[in-house]
Amino acid sequence: MRVILIDIADAAARFAAGEQAYEYKTEDSELRLLGPACGFGADSLRAYREQGLYAETIAEATDMASARELSVTGVWFVKK
């Protein structure tokens, strides 16, 4: 699987077209916020969600980043 990083300003069109995020990029390169397209199993996603590292939507990812005083700067999508 290949992924491509899209600037947050350009990601809205992909979300509107129904694409799901693989991962949300924040200002902190060490913080990974996984998205629904990551393909991890239910148990792994549950654990990541409990740690605040998995978001279903861009709104949820933005809230998680904001709680850490960060912002979402880009979105990784699965490359077509």
N, C-alpha and C. Protein backbone atom coordinates (compact mmCIF):
# COMPACT_ATOMS: atom_id res chain seq x y z
N MET A 1 0.85 -1.17 0.00
CA MET A 1 0.00 0.00 0.00
C MET A 1 0.89 1.23 0.00
N ARG A 2 0.50 2.20 -0.80
CA ARG A 2 1.21 3.47 -0.86
C ARG A 2 0.28 4.56 -0.39
N VAL A 3 0.86 5.53 0.30
CA VAL A 3 0.07 6.66 0.78
C VAL A 3 0.67 7.95 0.25
N ILE A 4 -0.16 8.98 0.20
CA ILE A 4 0.26 10.28 -0.30
C ILE A 4 -0.21 11.34 0.70
N LEU A 5 0.66 12.29 1.00
CA LEU A 5 0.35 13.35 1.93
C LEU A 5 -0.28 14.52 1.19
N ILE A 6 -1.43 14.94 1.66
CA ILE A 6 -2.16 16.07 1.08
C ILE A 6 -2.24 17.18 2.14
N ASP A 7 -1.97 18.39 1.74
CA ASP A 7 -2.08 19.54 2.63
C ASP A 7 -3.51 19.63 3.16
N ILE A 8 -3.67 20.06 4.38
CA ILE A 8 -4.99 20.09 5.02
C ILE A 8 -5.97 20.94 4.21
N ALA A 9 -5.51 21.99 3.60
CA ALA A 9 -6.39 22.86 2.80
C ALA A 9 -6.95 22.13 1.59
N ASP A 10 -6.21 21.18 1.06
CA ASP A 10 -6.64 20.44 -0.13
C ASP A 10 -7.35 19.14 0.20
N ALA A 11 -7.34 18.75 1.46
CA ALA A 11 -7.95 17.47 1.86
C ALA A 11 -9.47 17.49 1.84
N ALA A 12 -10.08 18.66 1.98
CA ALA A 12 -11.54 18.75 2.05
C ALA A 12 -12.20 18.14 0.82
N ALA A 13 -11.63 18.36 -0.35
CA ALA A 13 -12.21 17.81 -1.58
C ALA A 13 -12.18 16.28 -1.56
N ARG A 14 -11.12 15.71 -1.03
CA ARG A 14 -11.03 14.25 -0.95
C ARG A 14 -12.03 13.69 0.06
N PHE A 15 -12.18 14.38 1.19
CA PHE A 15 -13.17 13.94 2.16
C PHE A 15 -14.57 14.03 1.56
N ALA A 16 -14.85 15.11 0.83
CA ALA A 16 -16.16 15.29 0.19
C ALA A 16 -16.44 14.20 -0.84
N ALA A 17 -15.38 13.67 -1.45
CA ALA A 17 -15.52 12.59 -2.44
C ALA A 17 -15.63 11.22 -1.77
N GLY A 18 -15.59 11.20 -0.44
CA GLY A 18 -15.77 9.95 0.28
C GLY A 18 -14.49 9.22 0.67
N GLU A 19 -13.35 9.81 0.38
CA GLU A 19 -12.09 9.17 0.76
C GLU A 19 -11.91 9.24 2.27
N GLN A 20 -11.26 8.22 2.81
CA GLN A 20 -10.97 8.18 4.23
C GLN A 20 -9.48 8.36 4.46
N ALA A 21 -9.15 8.96 5.57
CA ALA A 21 -7.75 9.21 5.91
C ALA A 21 -7.07 7.93 6.37
N TYR A 22 -5.82 7.79 5.97
CA TYR A 22 -4.97 6.73 6.50
C TYR A 22 -4.37 7.21 7.82
N GLU A 23 -3.93 8.46 7.82
CA GLU A 23 -3.33 9.06 9.00
C GLU A 23 -3.45 10.57 8.90
N TYR A 24 -3.55 11.22 10.05
CA TYR A 24 -3.60 12.68 10.11
C TYR A 24 -2.25 13.18 10.58
N LYS A 25 -1.65 14.13 9.84
CA LYS A 25 -0.34 14.68 10.18
C LYS A 25 -0.54 15.91 11.05
N THR A 26 0.25 16.00 12.12
CA THR A 26 0.19 17.16 13.00
C THR A 26 1.52 17.90 12.95
N GLU A 27 1.58 19.00 13.65
CA GLU A 27 2.81 19.79 13.73
C GLU A 27 3.94 19.00 14.39
N ASP A 28 3.59 18.06 15.25
CA ASP A 28 4.57 17.22 15.93
C ASP A 28 4.77 15.95 15.11
N SER A 29 5.91 15.83 14.47
CA SER A 29 6.14 14.68 13.59
C SER A 29 6.15 13.35 14.32
N GLU A 30 6.25 13.38 15.63
CA GLU A 30 6.24 12.14 16.42
C GLU A 30 4.83 11.64 16.72
N LEU A 31 3.83 12.52 16.60
CA LEU A 31 2.45 12.15 16.93
C LEU A 31 1.75 11.59 15.70
N ARG A 32 1.34 10.34 15.78
CA ARG A 32 0.59 9.69 14.70
C ARG A 32 -0.86 9.58 15.13
N LEU A 33 -1.76 10.16 14.35
CA LEU A 33 -3.19 10.01 14.57
C LEU A 33 -3.72 9.18 13.40
N LEU A 34 -3.95 7.91 13.65
CA LEU A 34 -4.40 7.02 12.59
C LEU A 34 -5.84 7.30 12.19
N GLY A 35 -6.16 7.00 10.95
CA GLY A 35 -7.51 7.17 10.43
C GLY A 35 -8.10 5.84 10.01
N PRO A 36 -9.35 5.83 9.58
CA PRO A 36 -10.05 4.59 9.27
C PRO A 36 -9.48 3.79 8.10
N ALA A 37 -8.72 4.41 7.21
CA ALA A 37 -8.17 3.67 6.07
C ALA A 37 -6.87 2.94 6.41
N CYS A 38 -6.43 3.01 7.66
CA CYS A 38 -5.15 2.38 8.03
C CYS A 38 -5.21 0.86 7.92
N GLY A 39 -6.39 0.28 8.07
CA GLY A 39 -6.53 -1.15 7.88
C GLY A 39 -6.12 -2.00 9.07
N PHE A 40 -5.87 -1.40 10.21
CA PHE A 40 -5.51 -2.15 11.39
C PHE A 40 -6.74 -2.88 11.91
N GLY A 41 -6.54 -3.93 12.65
CA GLY A 41 -7.65 -4.72 13.19
C GLY A 41 -8.39 -3.99 14.30
N ALA A 42 -9.58 -4.49 14.60
CA ALA A 42 -10.45 -3.85 15.59
C ALA A 42 -9.79 -3.73 16.96
N ASP A 43 -9.07 -4.75 17.38
CA ASP A 43 -8.41 -4.69 18.69
C ASP A 43 -7.34 -3.62 18.73
N SER A 44 -6.56 -3.52 17.67
CA SER A 44 -5.52 -2.49 17.60
C SER A 44 -6.14 -1.10 17.59
N LEU A 45 -7.19 -0.93 16.80
CA LEU A 45 -7.84 0.38 16.72
C LEU A 45 -8.45 0.78 18.06
N ARG A 46 -9.01 -0.18 18.76
CA ARG A 46 -9.58 0.10 20.08
C ARG A 46 -8.47 0.60 21.03
N ALA A 47 -7.33 -0.05 20.99
CA ALA A 47 -6.20 0.36 21.83
C ALA A 47 -5.71 1.75 21.44
N TYR A 48 -5.58 2.00 20.14
CA TYR A 48 -5.16 3.34 19.69
C TYR A 48 -6.18 4.40 20.08
N ARG A 49 -7.45 4.09 19.97
CA ARG A 49 -8.50 5.05 20.36
C ARG A 49 -8.39 5.38 21.85
N GLU A 50 -8.17 4.36 22.68
CA GLU A 50 -8.04 4.57 24.13
C GLU A 50 -6.85 5.47 24.45
N GLN A 51 -5.82 5.43 23.60
CA GLN A 51 -4.64 6.26 23.80
C GLN A 51 -4.78 7.63 23.14
N GLY A 52 -5.91 7.86 22.47
CA GLY A 52 -6.12 9.13 21.78
C GLY A 52 -5.32 9.23 20.50
N LEU A 53 -5.09 8.08 19.84
CA LEU A 53 -4.26 8.05 18.64
C LEU A 53 -4.99 7.54 17.40
N TYR A 54 -6.32 7.46 17.48
CA TYR A 54 -7.12 7.02 16.33
C TYR A 54 -8.34 7.91 16.22
N ALA A 55 -8.58 8.44 15.04
CA ALA A 55 -9.72 9.33 14.80
C ALA A 55 -10.49 8.86 13.57
N GLU A 56 -11.79 8.79 13.69
CA GLU A 56 -12.66 8.40 12.56
C GLU A 56 -12.81 9.52 11.55
N THR A 57 -12.79 10.76 12.02
CA THR A 57 -13.06 11.91 11.15
C THR A 57 -12.01 13.00 11.34
N ILE A 58 -11.98 13.93 10.40
CA ILE A 58 -11.07 15.06 10.51
C ILE A 58 -11.43 15.92 11.73
N ALA A 59 -12.70 16.03 12.03
CA ALA A 59 -13.13 16.81 13.20
C ALA A 59 -12.59 16.18 14.49
N GLU A 60 -12.69 14.87 14.57
CA GLU A 60 -12.18 14.16 15.74
C GLU A 60 -10.65 14.31 15.83
N ALA A 61 -9.96 14.19 14.70
CA ALA A 61 -8.51 14.35 14.68
C ALA A 61 -8.11 15.76 15.10
N THR A 62 -8.85 16.75 14.64
CA THR A 62 -8.58 18.14 15.00
C THR A 62 -8.75 18.34 16.50
N ASP A 63 -9.80 17.76 17.07
CA ASP A 63 -10.02 17.86 18.52
C ASP A 63 -8.89 17.20 19.30
N MET A 64 -8.45 16.02 18.84
CA MET A 64 -7.35 15.32 19.53
C MET A 64 -6.06 16.12 19.46
N ALA A 65 -5.78 16.69 18.31
CA ALA A 65 -4.58 17.51 18.15
C ALA A 65 -4.68 18.77 19.01
N SER A 66 -5.83 19.40 19.02
CA SER A 66 -6.03 20.62 19.81
C SER A 66 -5.84 20.36 21.29
N ALA A 67 -6.25 19.19 21.75
CA ALA A 67 -6.08 18.84 23.16
C ALA A 67 -4.60 18.77 23.53
N ARG A 68 -3.75 18.57 22.54
CA ARG A 68 -2.30 18.53 22.75
C ARG A 68 -1.65 19.86 22.33
N GLU A 69 -2.48 20.86 22.10
CA GLU A 69 -2.04 22.18 21.65
C GLU A 69 -1.30 22.11 20.32
N LEU A 70 -1.81 21.27 19.42
CA LEU A 70 -1.27 21.10 18.08
C LEU A 70 -2.39 21.32 17.07
N SER A 71 -2.04 21.35 15.81
CA SER A 71 -3.06 21.39 14.76
C SER A 71 -2.74 20.32 13.73
N VAL A 72 -3.76 19.91 12.99
CA VAL A 72 -3.59 18.97 11.90
C VAL A 72 -3.12 19.77 10.69
N THR A 73 -2.02 19.35 10.09
CA THR A 73 -1.44 20.09 8.98
C THR A 73 -1.57 19.38 7.65
N GLY A 74 -1.92 18.11 7.70
CA GLY A 74 -2.06 17.34 6.46
C GLY A 74 -2.75 16.03 6.72
N VAL A 75 -3.09 15.36 5.64
CA VAL A 75 -3.76 14.07 5.73
C VAL A 75 -3.09 13.11 4.78
N TRP A 76 -2.78 11.92 5.27
CA TRP A 76 -2.26 10.85 4.43
C TRP A 76 -3.44 10.06 3.90
N PHE A 77 -3.52 9.92 2.58
CA PHE A 77 -4.55 9.12 1.93
C PHE A 77 -3.88 7.96 1.21
N VAL A 78 -4.61 6.87 1.04
CA VAL A 78 -4.10 5.74 0.27
C VAL A 78 -4.04 6.20 -1.18
N LYS A 79 -2.88 6.01 -1.79
CA LYS A 79 -2.68 6.46 -3.16
C LYS A 79 -3.40 5.51 -4.13
N LYS A 80 -4.10 6.10 -5.07
CA LYS A 80 -4.86 5.32 -6.05
C LYS A 80 -3.98 4.89 -7.19
